[in-house]
Amino acid sequence: QVQLKESGGGMVQAGGSLKLSCSSARPTFSTESMGWYRRTPGKEREVVAVISSDGGVTNYVDSVKGRFIISRDNAKNMVYLQMNGLKPEDTAVYYCASGSGYWGQGTQVTVSS
């Protein structure tokens, strides 16, 4: 049983959109905060967005504010990251993570100029 699994990555032109999904197999999903992180080769992994267990509180790194939206559906054990107005600098491997310390395997997002 996979704890967390991301999907939805791909290649898109600058200005385009993608929606990432993260499916959780954890029975405690609805009690856990969740987040999306990303890593580009040669750079430290950074937090992109986080969401509280009930979805009531969200936070974003400054570079994606106004463009990305994190959401969750606790009835489906799913977390999403809607990415709009994508820029080449958004190119990275995106990871889903739980507040309890579990990570997915990542999904590649590539944005061409």
C-alpha atoms as a PDB file:
ATOM      1  CA  GLN A   1       0.000   0.000   0.000  1.00  0.00           C
ATOM      2  CA  VAL A   2       1.447   3.338  -1.114  1.00  0.00           C
ATOM      3  CA  GLN A   3       1.123   6.060   1.509  1.00  0.00           C
ATOM      4  CA  LEU A   4       1.045   9.001  -0.930  1.00  0.00           C
ATOM      5  CA  LYS A   5       1.011   9.029  -4.717  1.00  0.00           C
ATOM      6  CA  GLU A   6       1.228  12.071  -6.980  1.00  0.00           C
ATOM      7  CA  SER A   7      -0.064  12.387 -10.519  1.00  0.00           C
ATOM      8  CA  GLY A   8      -0.797  15.090 -13.074  1.00  0.00           C
ATOM      9  CA  GLY A   9       2.669  16.322 -13.933  1.00  0.00           C
ATOM     10  CA  GLY A  10       3.735  16.957 -17.482  1.00  0.00           C
ATOM     11  CA  MET A  11       5.117  19.462 -19.937  1.00  0.00           C
ATOM     12  CA  VAL A  12       3.373  22.743 -20.638  1.00  0.00           C
ATOM     13  CA  GLN A  13       4.090  26.062 -22.319  1.00  0.00           C
ATOM     14  CA  ALA A  14       4.665  29.144 -20.196  1.00  0.00           C
ATOM     15  CA  GLY A  15       1.331  30.621 -19.205  1.00  0.00           C
ATOM     16  CA  GLY A  16      -0.379  27.257 -19.214  1.00  0.00           C
ATOM     17  CA  SER A  17      -1.959  25.296 -16.388  1.00  0.00           C
ATOM     18  CA  LEU A  18      -1.639  21.911 -14.746  1.00  0.00           C
ATOM     19  CA  LYS A  19      -3.438  20.264 -11.857  1.00  0.00           C
ATOM     20  CA  LEU A  20      -1.515  17.915  -9.613  1.00  0.00           C
ATOM     21  CA  SER A  21      -3.261  15.291  -7.520  1.00  0.00           C
ATOM     22  CA  CYS A  22      -2.109  13.392  -4.462  1.00  0.00           C
ATOM     23  CA  SER A  23      -3.912  10.306  -3.247  1.00  0.00           C
ATOM     24  CA  SER A  24      -3.394   9.238   0.363  1.00  0.00           C
ATOM     25  CA  ALA A  25      -3.816   5.717   1.674  1.00  0.00           C
ATOM     26  CA  ARG A  26      -3.363   6.834   5.266  1.00  0.00           C
ATOM     27  CA  PRO A  27      -6.358   6.243   7.539  1.00  0.00           C
ATOM     28  CA  THR A  28      -5.397   9.409   9.434  1.00  0.00           C
ATOM     29  CA  PHE A  29      -5.510  11.603   6.313  1.00  0.00           C
ATOM     30  CA  SER A  30      -8.352  13.819   7.489  1.00  0.00           C
ATOM     31  CA  THR A  31      -6.447  14.696  10.676  1.00  0.00           C
ATOM     32  CA  GLU A  32      -3.190  15.644   8.928  1.00  0.00           C
ATOM     33  CA  SER A  33      -1.965  18.845   7.397  1.00  0.00           C
ATOM     34  CA  MET A  34      -0.696  18.337   3.849  1.00  0.00           C
ATOM     35  CA  GLY A  35       1.710  20.132   1.598  1.00  0.00           C
ATOM     36  CA  TRP A  36       3.251  20.365  -1.822  1.00  0.00           C
ATOM     37  CA  TYR A  37       7.011  20.765  -2.182  1.00  0.00           C
ATOM     38  CA  ARG A  38       9.280  21.037  -5.186  1.00  0.00           C
ATOM     39  CA  ARG A  39      12.914  20.492  -6.030  1.00  0.00           C
ATOM     40  CA  THR A  40      15.036  21.593  -8.975  1.00  0.00           C
ATOM     41  CA  PRO A  41      18.467  20.006  -9.491  1.00  0.00           C
ATOM     42  CA  GLY A  42      21.080  22.094  -7.730  1.00  0.00           C
ATOM     43  CA  LYS A  43      18.587  23.778  -5.440  1.00  0.00           C
ATOM     44  CA  GLU A  44      17.170  23.003  -2.024  1.00  0.00           C
ATOM     45  CA  ARG A  45      13.701  21.543  -1.832  1.00  0.00           C
ATOM     46  CA  GLU A  46      11.205  24.273  -1.041  1.00  0.00           C
ATOM     47  CA  VAL A  47       7.685  24.296   0.276  1.00  0.00           C
ATOM     48  CA  VAL A  48       5.185  25.440  -2.327  1.00  0.00           C
ATOM     49  CA  ALA A  49       1.894  25.296  -0.465  1.00  0.00           C
ATOM     50  CA  VAL A  50       0.442  23.837   2.714  1.00  0.00           C
ATOM     51  CA  ILE A  51      -3.097  23.214   3.878  1.00  0.00           C
ATOM     52  CA  SER A  52      -4.548  22.449   7.295  1.00  0.00           C
ATOM     53  CA  SER A  53      -6.344  19.193   7.995  1.00  0.00           C
ATOM     54  CA  ASP A  54      -9.787  20.726   7.517  1.00  0.00           C
ATOM     55  CA  GLY A  55      -8.720  22.849   4.556  1.00  0.00           C
ATOM     56  CA  GLY A  56      -9.423  26.059   6.419  1.00  0.00           C
ATOM     57  CA  VAL A  57      -5.902  27.468   6.382  1.00  0.00           C
ATOM     58  CA  THR A  58      -3.556  27.620   3.410  1.00  0.00           C
ATOM     59  CA  ASN A  59      -0.139  29.159   2.863  1.00  0.00           C
ATOM     60  CA  TYR A  60       1.993  29.628  -0.237  1.00  0.00           C
ATOM     61  CA  VAL A  61       5.537  30.523  -1.078  1.00  0.00           C
ATOM     62  CA  ASP A  62       5.623  34.104  -2.367  1.00  0.00           C
ATOM     63  CA  SER A  63       6.609  33.098  -5.883  1.00  0.00           C
ATOM     64  CA  VAL A  64       3.350  31.199  -6.496  1.00  0.00           C
ATOM     65  CA  LYS A  65       0.856  33.400  -4.662  1.00  0.00           C
ATOM     66  CA  GLY A  66      -2.036  34.300  -6.905  1.00  0.00           C
ATOM     67  CA  ARG A  67      -1.168  31.546  -9.370  1.00  0.00           C
ATOM     68  CA  PHE A  68      -1.377  28.260  -7.438  1.00  0.00           C
ATOM     69  CA  ILE A  69      -4.222  26.922  -5.316  1.00  0.00           C
ATOM     70  CA  ILE A  70      -3.954  24.030  -2.870  1.00  0.00           C
ATOM     71  CA  SER A  71      -7.129  22.205  -1.917  1.00  0.00           C
ATOM     72  CA  ARG A  72      -8.232  18.913  -0.422  1.00  0.00           C
ATOM     73  CA  ASP A  73     -11.180  16.561  -0.422  1.00  0.00           C
ATOM     74  CA  ASN A  74     -11.135  14.585   2.800  1.00  0.00           C
ATOM     75  CA  ALA A  75     -14.017  12.376   1.665  1.00  0.00           C
ATOM     76  CA  LYS A  76     -11.764  11.141  -1.155  1.00  0.00           C
ATOM     77  CA  ASN A  77      -8.411  11.303   0.664  1.00  0.00           C
ATOM     78  CA  MET A  78      -7.134  13.644  -2.034  1.00  0.00           C
ATOM     79  CA  VAL A  79      -5.009  16.788  -2.121  1.00  0.00           C
ATOM     80  CA  TYR A  80      -4.684  18.965  -5.213  1.00  0.00           C
ATOM     81  CA  LEU A  81      -2.447  21.710  -6.507  1.00  0.00           C
ATOM     82  CA  GLN A  82      -3.958  23.781  -9.288  1.00  0.00           C
ATOM     83  CA  MET A  83      -1.140  25.604 -11.061  1.00  0.00           C
ATOM     84  CA  ASN A  84      -2.036  28.510 -13.323  1.00  0.00           C
ATOM     85  CA  GLY A  85       0.104  30.974 -15.200  1.00  0.00           C
ATOM     86  CA  LEU A  86       3.042  28.590 -15.125  1.00  0.00           C
ATOM     87  CA  LYS A  87       6.524  30.003 -15.580  1.00  0.00           C
ATOM     88  CA  PRO A  88       9.761  28.282 -16.619  1.00  0.00           C
ATOM     89  CA  GLU A  89      11.064  28.760 -13.082  1.00  0.00           C
ATOM     90  CA  ASP A  90       8.239  26.516 -11.847  1.00  0.00           C
ATOM     91  CA  THR A  91       9.966  23.577 -13.524  1.00  0.00           C
ATOM     92  CA  ALA A  92      10.707  21.011 -10.821  1.00  0.00           C
ATOM     93  CA  VAL A  93       9.774  17.677  -9.371  1.00  0.00           C
ATOM     94  CA  TYR A  94       6.741  18.229  -7.178  1.00  0.00           C
ATOM     95  CA  TYR A  95       6.191  16.159  -4.047  1.00  0.00           C
ATOM     96  CA  CYS A  96       3.184  15.607  -1.843  1.00  0.00           C
ATOM     97  CA  ALA A  97       3.836  15.288   1.889  1.00  0.00           C
ATOM     98  CA  SER A  98       1.878  14.816   5.079  1.00  0.00           C
ATOM     99  CA  GLY A  99       2.430  16.674   8.310  1.00  0.00           C
ATOM    100  CA  SER A 100       3.252  13.332   9.898  1.00  0.00           C
ATOM    101  CA  GLY A 101       6.369  12.994   7.729  1.00  0.00           C
ATOM    102  CA  TYR A 102       5.353  10.854   4.763  1.00  0.00           C
ATOM    103  CA  TRP A 103       6.337  11.720   1.193  1.00  0.00           C
ATOM    104  CA  GLY A 104       5.227  10.708  -2.256  1.00  0.00           C
ATOM    105  CA  GLN A 105       7.604   9.783  -5.064  1.00  0.00           C
ATOM    106  CA  GLY A 106       7.196  13.030  -6.974  1.00  0.00           C
ATOM    107  CA  THR A 107       5.862  14.087 -10.350  1.00  0.00           C
ATOM    108  CA  GLN A 108       7.802  16.092 -12.933  1.00  0.00           C
ATOM    109  CA  VAL A 109       6.527  19.473 -14.077  1.00  0.00           C
ATOM    110  CA  THR A 110       8.326  21.089 -16.991  1.00  0.00           C
ATOM    111  CA  VAL A 111       7.438  24.562 -18.246  1.00  0.00           C
ATOM    112  CA  SER A 112       8.926  25.717 -21.526  1.00  0.00           C
ATOM    113  CA  SER A 113       9.478  29.347 -22.448  1.00  0.00           C
END
